[in-house]
Amino acid sequence: MNHKAIYKLYSNVVSISEAEGAFDKDGNKVQIDMSAVNAWTDPEAYKAKRQAEYPPMTDYLYGIS
């Protein structure tokens, strides 16, 4: 279950249980549209992908010193 997607798509969800589902602040179960959750893409995901493409900054610093 993609917890980050659920929290972003359903602002009333405050807790998620893998076995039982998502719940609001009063403990009521929140109906989740799993197709929407599975279709959600993290707008911040590009940062990790981009970072993996470049060596650490320390490699650059060691190269110029």
Protein backbone atom coordinates (compact mmCIF):
# COMPACT_ATOMS: atom_id res chain seq x y z
CA MET A 1 0.00 0.00 0.00
CA ASN A 2 1.43 3.37 -1.00
CA HIS A 3 1.03 5.36 2.24
CA LYS A 4 2.44 8.57 0.79
CA ALA A 5 -0.10 8.54 -2.06
CA ILE A 6 -2.98 7.89 0.34
CA TYR A 7 -1.96 10.76 2.63
CA LYS A 8 -1.62 13.11 -0.36
CA LEU A 9 -4.91 12.09 -2.01
CA TYR A 10 -7.00 11.84 1.17
CA SER A 11 -6.30 14.75 3.51
CA ASN A 12 -8.67 13.35 6.17
CA VAL A 13 -6.62 10.15 6.62
CA VAL A 14 -4.50 10.19 9.77
CA SER A 15 -3.52 6.52 10.09
CA ILE A 16 -3.09 3.53 7.81
CA SER A 17 -3.02 -0.14 8.70
CA GLU A 18 -1.86 -2.64 6.08
CA ALA A 19 -4.40 -5.16 7.35
CA GLU A 20 -7.37 -2.90 8.10
CA GLY A 21 -7.12 0.13 5.77
CA ALA A 22 -7.10 3.90 6.26
CA PHE A 23 -8.77 5.83 9.08
CA ASP A 24 -9.70 9.44 9.84
CA LYS A 25 -9.13 11.28 13.13
CA ASP A 26 -12.30 9.79 14.65
CA GLY A 27 -11.31 6.22 13.83
CA ASN A 28 -13.77 5.92 10.95
CA LYS A 29 -12.64 3.86 8.00
CA VAL A 30 -11.99 5.92 4.85
CA GLN A 31 -12.85 4.34 1.50
CA ILE A 32 -9.75 4.41 -0.70
CA ASP A 33 -9.80 4.24 -4.50
CA MET A 34 -6.78 1.99 -5.07
CA SER A 35 -6.71 2.75 -8.80
CA ALA A 36 -6.19 6.44 -7.97
CA VAL A 37 -3.54 5.52 -5.38
CA ASN A 38 -1.71 3.28 -7.85
CA ALA A 39 -1.89 5.96 -10.58
CA TRP A 40 -0.46 8.69 -8.31
CA THR A 41 3.11 9.69 -9.06
CA ASP A 42 5.27 11.41 -6.50
CA PRO A 43 6.18 14.89 -7.77
CA GLU A 44 9.39 14.72 -5.71
CA ALA A 45 10.54 11.37 -7.16
CA TYR A 46 12.67 13.04 -9.82
CA LYS A 47 15.07 14.26 -7.13
CA ALA A 48 16.16 10.75 -6.15
CA LYS A 49 16.42 9.67 -9.79
CA ARG A 50 18.50 12.73 -10.66
CA GLN A 51 20.75 12.33 -7.64
CA ALA A 52 21.50 8.73 -8.64
CA GLU A 53 22.77 9.97 -12.03
CA TYR A 54 25.60 12.03 -10.53
CA PRO A 55 28.51 11.10 -8.27
CA PRO A 56 28.69 12.61 -4.77
CA MET A 57 29.96 16.19 -4.48
CA THR A 58 32.98 14.94 -2.53
CA ASP A 59 34.21 13.16 -5.67
CA TYR A 60 34.26 16.50 -7.47
CA LEU A 61 36.04 18.23 -4.60
CA TYR A 62 38.72 15.53 -4.41
CA GLY A 63 39.19 15.79 -8.17
CA ILE A 64 39.92 19.52 -8.14
CA SER A 65 42.15 19.60 -5.05
